[in-house]
Structure formats: structure tokens, C-alpha cells
N, C-alpha and C. Protein backbone atom coordinates (compact mmCIF):
# COMPACT_ATOMS: atom_id res chain seq x y z
N MET A 1 -5.96 26.25 -72.51
CA MET A 1 -4.66 25.63 -72.29
C MET A 1 -4.18 25.81 -70.86
N ASN A 2 -5.01 26.33 -69.97
CA ASN A 2 -4.67 26.42 -68.55
C ASN A 2 -3.38 27.17 -68.26
N GLY A 3 -3.12 28.26 -68.96
CA GLY A 3 -1.98 29.09 -68.64
C GLY A 3 -0.66 28.61 -69.20
N PHE A 4 -0.65 27.67 -70.10
CA PHE A 4 0.60 27.16 -70.64
C PHE A 4 1.04 27.87 -71.91
N ARG A 5 0.30 28.86 -72.35
CA ARG A 5 0.51 29.45 -73.66
C ARG A 5 1.90 30.04 -73.87
N ASP A 6 2.56 30.48 -72.82
CA ASP A 6 3.86 31.12 -72.99
C ASP A 6 5.02 30.15 -72.84
N ASP A 7 4.75 28.90 -72.64
CA ASP A 7 5.81 27.92 -72.48
C ASP A 7 6.30 27.41 -73.83
N VAL A 8 7.38 26.67 -73.77
CA VAL A 8 8.07 26.21 -74.97
C VAL A 8 7.84 24.72 -75.18
N ILE A 9 7.51 24.37 -76.41
CA ILE A 9 7.47 22.97 -76.83
C ILE A 9 8.69 22.75 -77.71
N LEU A 10 9.43 21.69 -77.43
CA LEU A 10 10.52 21.28 -78.30
C LEU A 10 10.01 20.12 -79.14
N LEU A 11 9.95 20.33 -80.43
CA LEU A 11 9.43 19.34 -81.37
C LEU A 11 10.62 18.73 -82.11
N VAL A 12 10.82 17.43 -81.92
CA VAL A 12 12.00 16.75 -82.46
C VAL A 12 11.56 15.70 -83.47
N ASP A 13 11.79 15.99 -84.74
CA ASP A 13 11.36 15.09 -85.81
C ASP A 13 12.22 15.35 -87.03
N ASP A 14 12.74 14.29 -87.61
CA ASP A 14 13.57 14.45 -88.81
C ASP A 14 12.74 14.76 -90.05
N ASP A 15 11.43 14.65 -89.97
CA ASP A 15 10.55 14.97 -91.09
C ASP A 15 9.98 16.37 -90.86
N ARG A 16 10.56 17.36 -91.53
CA ARG A 16 10.15 18.76 -91.33
C ARG A 16 8.68 18.96 -91.69
N GLY A 17 8.19 18.25 -92.68
CA GLY A 17 6.79 18.36 -93.06
C GLY A 17 5.85 17.96 -91.94
N HIS A 18 6.17 16.85 -91.28
CA HIS A 18 5.36 16.41 -90.14
C HIS A 18 5.41 17.45 -89.02
N ALA A 19 6.61 17.95 -88.75
CA ALA A 19 6.77 18.95 -87.69
C ALA A 19 5.96 20.20 -87.99
N ARG A 20 5.98 20.65 -89.23
CA ARG A 20 5.21 21.85 -89.60
C ARG A 20 3.72 21.64 -89.40
N LEU A 21 3.23 20.45 -89.74
CA LEU A 21 1.81 20.16 -89.55
C LEU A 21 1.42 20.20 -88.07
N ILE A 22 2.25 19.63 -87.23
CA ILE A 22 1.97 19.65 -85.80
C ILE A 22 2.00 21.09 -85.28
N GLU A 23 3.03 21.85 -85.67
CA GLU A 23 3.12 23.25 -85.25
C GLU A 23 1.88 24.04 -85.67
N LYS A 24 1.50 23.88 -86.91
CA LYS A 24 0.36 24.62 -87.46
C LYS A 24 -0.91 24.32 -86.68
N HIS A 25 -1.16 23.05 -86.42
CA HIS A 25 -2.39 22.67 -85.74
C HIS A 25 -2.37 23.05 -84.26
N LEU A 26 -1.22 22.98 -83.61
CA LEU A 26 -1.13 23.44 -82.22
C LEU A 26 -1.44 24.93 -82.15
N ALA A 27 -0.90 25.70 -83.08
CA ALA A 27 -1.14 27.15 -83.10
C ALA A 27 -2.62 27.45 -83.32
N ARG A 28 -3.25 26.73 -84.22
CA ARG A 28 -4.68 26.95 -84.50
C ARG A 28 -5.56 26.67 -83.29
N MET A 29 -5.12 25.73 -82.46
CA MET A 29 -5.92 25.35 -81.29
C MET A 29 -5.57 26.17 -80.06
N GLY A 30 -4.74 27.17 -80.23
CA GLY A 30 -4.35 27.98 -79.08
C GLY A 30 -3.33 27.29 -78.22
N GLY A 31 -2.56 26.43 -78.84
CA GLY A 31 -1.54 25.69 -78.11
C GLY A 31 -0.34 26.56 -77.79
N MET A 32 0.71 25.95 -77.40
CA MET A 32 1.91 26.68 -77.02
C MET A 32 2.32 27.66 -78.10
N GLN A 33 2.77 28.81 -77.69
CA GLN A 33 3.15 29.83 -78.64
C GLN A 33 4.57 29.64 -79.16
N HIS A 34 5.43 29.05 -78.38
CA HIS A 34 6.83 28.92 -78.77
C HIS A 34 7.14 27.45 -79.07
N VAL A 35 7.17 27.11 -80.34
CA VAL A 35 7.52 25.75 -80.74
C VAL A 35 8.89 25.82 -81.42
N ILE A 36 9.83 25.07 -80.89
CA ILE A 36 11.17 25.01 -81.46
C ILE A 36 11.34 23.64 -82.09
N TRP A 37 11.72 23.63 -83.36
CA TRP A 37 11.90 22.37 -84.08
C TRP A 37 13.38 22.05 -84.22
N LEU A 38 13.73 20.81 -83.92
CA LEU A 38 15.07 20.28 -84.18
C LEU A 38 14.92 18.95 -84.88
N ASP A 39 15.89 18.63 -85.73
CA ASP A 39 15.73 17.49 -86.63
C ASP A 39 16.27 16.16 -86.14
N ASN A 40 16.85 16.11 -84.94
CA ASN A 40 17.27 14.81 -84.41
C ASN A 40 17.47 14.89 -82.90
N GLY A 41 17.53 13.72 -82.29
CA GLY A 41 17.65 13.64 -80.85
C GLY A 41 18.94 14.19 -80.30
N ARG A 42 20.02 14.05 -81.02
CA ARG A 42 21.31 14.59 -80.56
C ARG A 42 21.21 16.11 -80.39
N ARG A 43 20.66 16.78 -81.40
CA ARG A 43 20.52 18.24 -81.34
C ARG A 43 19.55 18.64 -80.22
N ALA A 44 18.51 17.84 -80.01
CA ALA A 44 17.56 18.14 -78.94
C ALA A 44 18.23 18.08 -77.57
N LEU A 45 19.00 17.03 -77.33
CA LEU A 45 19.69 16.92 -76.05
C LEU A 45 20.73 18.02 -75.89
N ASP A 46 21.44 18.34 -76.96
CA ASP A 46 22.41 19.45 -76.91
C ASP A 46 21.70 20.76 -76.56
N PHE A 47 20.53 20.98 -77.15
CA PHE A 47 19.75 22.19 -76.87
C PHE A 47 19.34 22.24 -75.40
N ILE A 48 18.78 21.16 -74.91
CA ILE A 48 18.26 21.13 -73.54
C ILE A 48 19.39 21.26 -72.51
N PHE A 49 20.51 20.57 -72.76
CA PHE A 49 21.61 20.58 -71.80
C PHE A 49 22.68 21.62 -72.13
N GLU A 50 22.43 22.45 -73.16
CA GLU A 50 23.35 23.51 -73.59
C GLU A 50 24.74 22.95 -73.85
N GLU A 51 24.77 21.92 -74.68
CA GLU A 51 26.01 21.25 -75.07
C GLU A 51 26.18 21.35 -76.58
N GLY A 52 27.30 20.82 -77.09
CA GLY A 52 27.51 20.78 -78.54
C GLY A 52 27.35 22.14 -79.18
N GLU A 53 26.55 22.22 -80.23
CA GLU A 53 26.37 23.49 -80.94
C GLU A 53 25.68 24.56 -80.09
N PHE A 54 25.06 24.15 -78.98
CA PHE A 54 24.37 25.10 -78.11
C PHE A 54 25.17 25.42 -76.84
N GLU A 55 26.42 24.95 -76.78
CA GLU A 55 27.25 25.23 -75.62
C GLU A 55 27.48 26.73 -75.51
N GLY A 56 27.28 27.25 -74.32
CA GLY A 56 27.45 28.68 -74.10
C GLY A 56 26.28 29.53 -74.53
N VAL A 57 25.24 28.90 -75.06
CA VAL A 57 24.04 29.61 -75.49
C VAL A 57 22.95 29.37 -74.45
N LYS A 58 22.35 30.43 -73.94
CA LYS A 58 21.26 30.28 -72.99
C LYS A 58 20.01 29.91 -73.78
N THR A 59 19.58 28.67 -73.66
CA THR A 59 18.41 28.19 -74.40
C THR A 59 17.18 28.25 -73.51
N LEU A 60 16.02 28.19 -74.14
CA LEU A 60 14.76 28.16 -73.42
C LEU A 60 14.46 26.72 -73.01
N ARG A 61 14.20 26.51 -71.75
CA ARG A 61 13.89 25.16 -71.27
C ARG A 61 12.46 24.79 -71.68
N PRO A 62 12.31 23.70 -72.39
CA PRO A 62 10.96 23.30 -72.80
C PRO A 62 10.17 22.73 -71.62
N CYS A 63 8.87 22.91 -71.66
CA CYS A 63 8.00 22.25 -70.67
C CYS A 63 7.51 20.93 -71.25
N LEU A 64 7.64 20.79 -72.57
CA LEU A 64 7.17 19.59 -73.26
C LEU A 64 8.09 19.28 -74.42
N VAL A 65 8.48 18.03 -74.55
CA VAL A 65 9.24 17.55 -75.70
C VAL A 65 8.36 16.55 -76.43
N ILE A 66 8.16 16.80 -77.72
CA ILE A 66 7.45 15.86 -78.60
C ILE A 66 8.51 15.29 -79.52
N ALA A 67 8.77 14.00 -79.43
CA ALA A 67 9.88 13.40 -80.18
C ALA A 67 9.42 12.21 -81.00
N ASP A 68 9.89 12.17 -82.23
CA ASP A 68 9.67 11.01 -83.09
C ASP A 68 10.48 9.85 -82.52
N LEU A 69 9.93 8.67 -82.57
CA LEU A 69 10.62 7.50 -82.04
C LEU A 69 11.86 7.16 -82.85
N ASN A 70 11.73 7.17 -84.17
CA ASN A 70 12.82 6.75 -85.05
C ASN A 70 13.38 7.94 -85.83
N MET A 71 14.62 8.31 -85.48
CA MET A 71 15.31 9.41 -86.16
C MET A 71 16.78 9.05 -86.31
N PRO A 72 17.46 9.73 -87.25
CA PRO A 72 18.90 9.52 -87.38
C PRO A 72 19.63 10.01 -86.12
N GLU A 73 20.81 9.52 -85.93
CA GLU A 73 21.69 9.84 -84.79
C GLU A 73 21.11 9.32 -83.49
N LEU A 74 20.15 10.02 -82.91
CA LEU A 74 19.50 9.56 -81.68
C LEU A 74 17.99 9.67 -81.84
N GLY A 75 17.30 8.61 -81.53
CA GLY A 75 15.84 8.61 -81.65
C GLY A 75 15.16 9.02 -80.36
N GLY A 76 13.85 8.95 -80.38
CA GLY A 76 13.04 9.38 -79.26
C GLY A 76 13.29 8.62 -77.97
N VAL A 77 13.59 7.33 -78.06
CA VAL A 77 13.85 6.55 -76.84
C VAL A 77 15.08 7.07 -76.12
N HIS A 78 16.12 7.43 -76.86
CA HIS A 78 17.33 7.97 -76.24
C HIS A 78 17.06 9.32 -75.59
N VAL A 79 16.29 10.16 -76.28
CA VAL A 79 15.93 11.46 -75.71
C VAL A 79 15.13 11.25 -74.43
N LEU A 80 14.13 10.40 -74.49
CA LEU A 80 13.29 10.10 -73.33
C LEU A 80 14.13 9.58 -72.16
N SER A 81 14.99 8.62 -72.43
CA SER A 81 15.82 8.02 -71.40
C SER A 81 16.72 9.05 -70.72
N ARG A 82 17.35 9.90 -71.52
CA ARG A 82 18.25 10.91 -70.95
C ARG A 82 17.48 11.94 -70.13
N LEU A 83 16.35 12.39 -70.64
CA LEU A 83 15.58 13.41 -69.91
C LEU A 83 15.03 12.88 -68.60
N LYS A 84 14.44 11.70 -68.64
CA LYS A 84 13.82 11.14 -67.44
C LYS A 84 14.87 10.62 -66.45
N GLY A 85 16.08 10.35 -66.93
CA GLY A 85 17.14 9.85 -66.08
C GLY A 85 17.98 10.93 -65.42
N ASP A 86 17.69 12.19 -65.69
CA ASP A 86 18.47 13.30 -65.14
C ASP A 86 17.54 14.14 -64.27
N GLU A 87 17.91 14.32 -63.02
CA GLU A 87 17.03 15.06 -62.10
C GLU A 87 16.74 16.49 -62.56
N ARG A 88 17.63 17.07 -63.36
CA ARG A 88 17.41 18.44 -63.85
C ARG A 88 16.30 18.51 -64.89
N THR A 89 16.02 17.38 -65.54
CA THR A 89 15.06 17.39 -66.65
C THR A 89 13.95 16.36 -66.51
N SER A 90 13.95 15.62 -65.43
CA SER A 90 12.98 14.52 -65.30
C SER A 90 11.53 15.00 -65.25
N SER A 91 11.31 16.27 -64.91
CA SER A 91 9.94 16.79 -64.85
C SER A 91 9.43 17.28 -66.21
N ILE A 92 10.29 17.33 -67.22
CA ILE A 92 9.85 17.75 -68.55
C ILE A 92 8.96 16.65 -69.13
N ALA A 93 7.77 17.03 -69.55
CA ALA A 93 6.85 16.06 -70.16
C ALA A 93 7.39 15.62 -71.52
N VAL A 94 7.27 14.33 -71.81
CA VAL A 94 7.74 13.79 -73.09
C VAL A 94 6.62 13.00 -73.75
N VAL A 95 6.32 13.38 -74.99
CA VAL A 95 5.36 12.65 -75.83
C VAL A 95 6.15 12.03 -76.96
N ILE A 96 5.99 10.74 -77.16
CA ILE A 96 6.66 10.04 -78.25
C ILE A 96 5.65 9.84 -79.38
N LEU A 97 6.07 10.20 -80.59
CA LEU A 97 5.27 9.98 -81.80
C LEU A 97 5.94 8.90 -82.64
N THR A 98 5.15 8.03 -83.23
CA THR A 98 5.72 6.99 -84.08
C THR A 98 4.68 6.41 -85.02
N THR A 99 5.17 5.83 -86.09
CA THR A 99 4.30 5.06 -86.99
C THR A 99 4.27 3.60 -86.55
N SER A 100 5.11 3.25 -85.59
CA SER A 100 5.22 1.86 -85.12
C SER A 100 4.03 1.48 -84.22
N ASP A 101 3.64 0.23 -84.32
CA ASP A 101 2.66 -0.30 -83.37
C ASP A 101 3.25 -1.49 -82.63
N ASN A 102 4.58 -1.52 -82.56
CA ASN A 102 5.30 -2.59 -81.88
C ASN A 102 5.06 -2.48 -80.37
N PRO A 103 4.40 -3.48 -79.78
CA PRO A 103 4.11 -3.43 -78.34
C PRO A 103 5.36 -3.30 -77.47
N ALA A 104 6.46 -3.90 -77.89
CA ALA A 104 7.70 -3.82 -77.11
C ALA A 104 8.23 -2.39 -77.06
N GLU A 105 8.13 -1.66 -78.18
CA GLU A 105 8.57 -0.26 -78.20
C GLU A 105 7.68 0.60 -77.32
N ILE A 106 6.39 0.36 -77.40
CA ILE A 106 5.44 1.12 -76.59
C ILE A 106 5.71 0.88 -75.10
N GLU A 107 5.87 -0.38 -74.73
CA GLU A 107 6.14 -0.74 -73.33
C GLU A 107 7.46 -0.13 -72.85
N ALA A 108 8.49 -0.19 -73.69
CA ALA A 108 9.80 0.38 -73.31
C ALA A 108 9.67 1.87 -73.03
N CYS A 109 8.92 2.58 -73.86
CA CYS A 109 8.74 4.02 -73.66
C CYS A 109 8.00 4.30 -72.36
N HIS A 110 6.96 3.53 -72.08
CA HIS A 110 6.22 3.73 -70.84
C HIS A 110 7.09 3.42 -69.62
N GLU A 111 7.91 2.38 -69.71
CA GLU A 111 8.81 2.04 -68.60
C GLU A 111 9.83 3.13 -68.34
N LEU A 112 10.23 3.84 -69.39
CA LEU A 112 11.20 4.93 -69.24
C LEU A 112 10.56 6.23 -68.73
N GLY A 113 9.24 6.26 -68.65
CA GLY A 113 8.57 7.44 -68.11
C GLY A 113 7.89 8.34 -69.13
N CYS A 114 7.65 7.80 -70.31
CA CYS A 114 6.95 8.55 -71.35
C CYS A 114 5.59 9.03 -70.83
N ASP A 115 5.28 10.29 -71.06
CA ASP A 115 4.00 10.83 -70.61
C ASP A 115 2.86 10.45 -71.54
N ALA A 116 3.17 10.27 -72.81
CA ALA A 116 2.16 9.82 -73.78
C ALA A 116 2.88 9.24 -74.99
N PHE A 117 2.25 8.25 -75.60
CA PHE A 117 2.77 7.59 -76.79
C PHE A 117 1.68 7.68 -77.84
N LEU A 118 1.91 8.45 -78.90
CA LEU A 118 0.88 8.69 -79.91
C LEU A 118 1.32 8.17 -81.27
N ARG A 119 0.37 7.61 -81.99
CA ARG A 119 0.65 7.13 -83.35
C ARG A 119 0.70 8.31 -84.31
N LYS A 120 1.73 8.31 -85.14
CA LYS A 120 1.84 9.32 -86.20
C LYS A 120 0.84 8.96 -87.29
N PRO A 121 0.09 9.92 -87.75
CA PRO A 121 -0.90 9.63 -88.79
C PRO A 121 -0.25 9.39 -90.14
N MET A 122 -1.00 8.76 -91.01
CA MET A 122 -0.51 8.47 -92.36
C MET A 122 -0.86 9.57 -93.34
N ASP A 123 -1.74 10.49 -92.95
CA ASP A 123 -2.10 11.59 -93.85
C ASP A 123 -2.10 12.91 -93.08
N SER A 124 -2.08 14.01 -93.82
CA SER A 124 -1.94 15.32 -93.19
C SER A 124 -3.12 15.66 -92.29
N ASP A 125 -4.32 15.21 -92.63
CA ASP A 125 -5.48 15.50 -91.79
C ASP A 125 -5.36 14.86 -90.41
N GLY A 126 -4.67 13.75 -90.34
CA GLY A 126 -4.50 13.06 -89.06
C GLY A 126 -3.68 13.85 -88.06
N PHE A 127 -2.88 14.80 -88.54
CA PHE A 127 -2.07 15.60 -87.63
C PHE A 127 -2.93 16.55 -86.80
N VAL A 128 -4.13 16.87 -87.29
CA VAL A 128 -5.08 17.65 -86.50
C VAL A 128 -5.41 16.87 -85.23
N LEU A 129 -5.66 15.58 -85.38
CA LEU A 129 -6.00 14.73 -84.23
C LEU A 129 -4.84 14.62 -83.25
N VAL A 130 -3.61 14.54 -83.77
CA VAL A 130 -2.43 14.47 -82.90
C VAL A 130 -2.34 15.75 -82.08
N ALA A 131 -2.47 16.90 -82.73
CA ALA A 131 -2.40 18.18 -82.02
C ALA A 131 -3.53 18.29 -81.00
N GLU A 132 -4.73 17.88 -81.38
CA GLU A 132 -5.87 17.91 -80.45
C GLU A 132 -5.59 17.04 -79.23
N ARG A 133 -5.01 15.89 -79.46
CA ARG A 133 -4.70 14.97 -78.35
C ARG A 133 -3.67 15.59 -77.41
N ILE A 134 -2.65 16.23 -77.97
CA ILE A 134 -1.62 16.86 -77.13
C ILE A 134 -2.24 17.98 -76.30
N VAL A 135 -3.04 18.83 -76.94
CA VAL A 135 -3.71 19.92 -76.22
C VAL A 135 -4.63 19.35 -75.13
N SER A 136 -5.34 18.28 -75.44
CA SER A 136 -6.22 17.64 -74.47
C SER A 136 -5.45 17.08 -73.29
N LEU A 137 -4.32 16.43 -73.55
CA LEU A 137 -3.50 15.85 -72.48
C LEU A 137 -2.97 16.94 -71.55
N ILE A 138 -2.62 18.09 -72.11
CA ILE A 138 -2.16 19.21 -71.29
C ILE A 138 -3.34 19.78 -70.50
N GLY A 139 -4.44 19.98 -71.19
CA GLY A 139 -5.61 20.58 -70.56
C GLY A 139 -6.18 19.77 -69.42
N ASP A 140 -6.16 18.44 -69.54
CA ASP A 140 -6.74 17.62 -68.46
C ASP A 140 -5.71 17.22 -67.40
N GLY A 141 -4.49 17.71 -67.56
CA GLY A 141 -3.46 17.46 -66.55
C GLY A 141 -2.71 16.16 -66.71
N THR A 142 -3.01 15.38 -67.75
CA THR A 142 -2.28 14.13 -67.99
C THR A 142 -0.80 14.44 -68.23
N ILE A 143 -0.55 15.50 -69.00
CA ILE A 143 0.81 16.01 -69.19
C ILE A 143 0.91 17.27 -68.35
N SER A 144 1.85 17.28 -67.44
CA SER A 144 1.98 18.44 -66.55
C SER A 144 3.00 19.41 -67.13
N ALA A 145 2.66 20.00 -68.26
CA ALA A 145 3.53 20.98 -68.90
C ALA A 145 3.49 22.28 -68.13
N GLY A 146 4.63 22.95 -68.10
CA GLY A 146 4.69 24.27 -67.51
C GLY A 146 4.96 24.30 -66.03
N GLU A 147 5.42 23.21 -65.47
CA GLU A 147 5.73 23.20 -64.03
C GLU A 147 7.02 23.94 -63.78
């Protein structure tokens, strides 16, 4: 993992089962040791910017945000847009996960600065491949986590 083991991944997904599968497989592959799960984009942005329920709380700055595209309150596109549009957070790597194969959504995410756009698998075994892909993207420098 090229020295990224002590960094934080913020995993944002309203489906706790999917999040647990990703966490489990990242841990098995020697991925990031600190994975923080939040269930929607609003809470993720509050966590990162220390606002809302996290106001006054010193939070750990993630080196990587993995966000589901479609979630209640705020989805992955809003999280991506806010992070990449703010100089304080624009260097945080963002991976968008989705079951969608809509080319317009994929293009919009890339235009906003998404570091990777990955399809969410339809079965639990597919989450191994998602975790492998994330670890690979970090390892080969495609995602510059830990800067």
C-alpha cells in the first residue's frame, strides 16, 4: 500500500451492508487501517468540514473518500463537487461507487474531478473486486491518497 496504511478512508454509503463488505475486503488486503463509515453525504461533508453534528469536534481528515452516487439527503455528486470545489479539500481523492451505468452521470463525475468511478457489484463476492481495484489505484498512484 506504499505507506498509506495509517491514513483514513471515509466510506459514505447508505447501505451499511455494502459498506461492511468494502471495509472487510480492504482490511484483508492490507488496505487502510482507519475506515470511517457515514450513511449520507450531508454527514460526510459535516465530518470533513467539522460542521453540523461534528462542529467543535476535531475529526480525522480522510485521504480518500469512497462515496455512493445515490444516497438520501446528499449523494456522491454533491460530496464530490463540494470537496473538489474547496481548496482545503480539493486534494482529497474521491472514488464514486454506483450501480448506474448512465454515461451522463459518469461524465459529470469525471468533469467534477472524480479520481475513479467504479460499478457497485450485484453480489457480495463482487465487493472483493471493488476493494482490489481501490487498493490497486492507490498502489499504482492513480489515486494519490495520503498526500
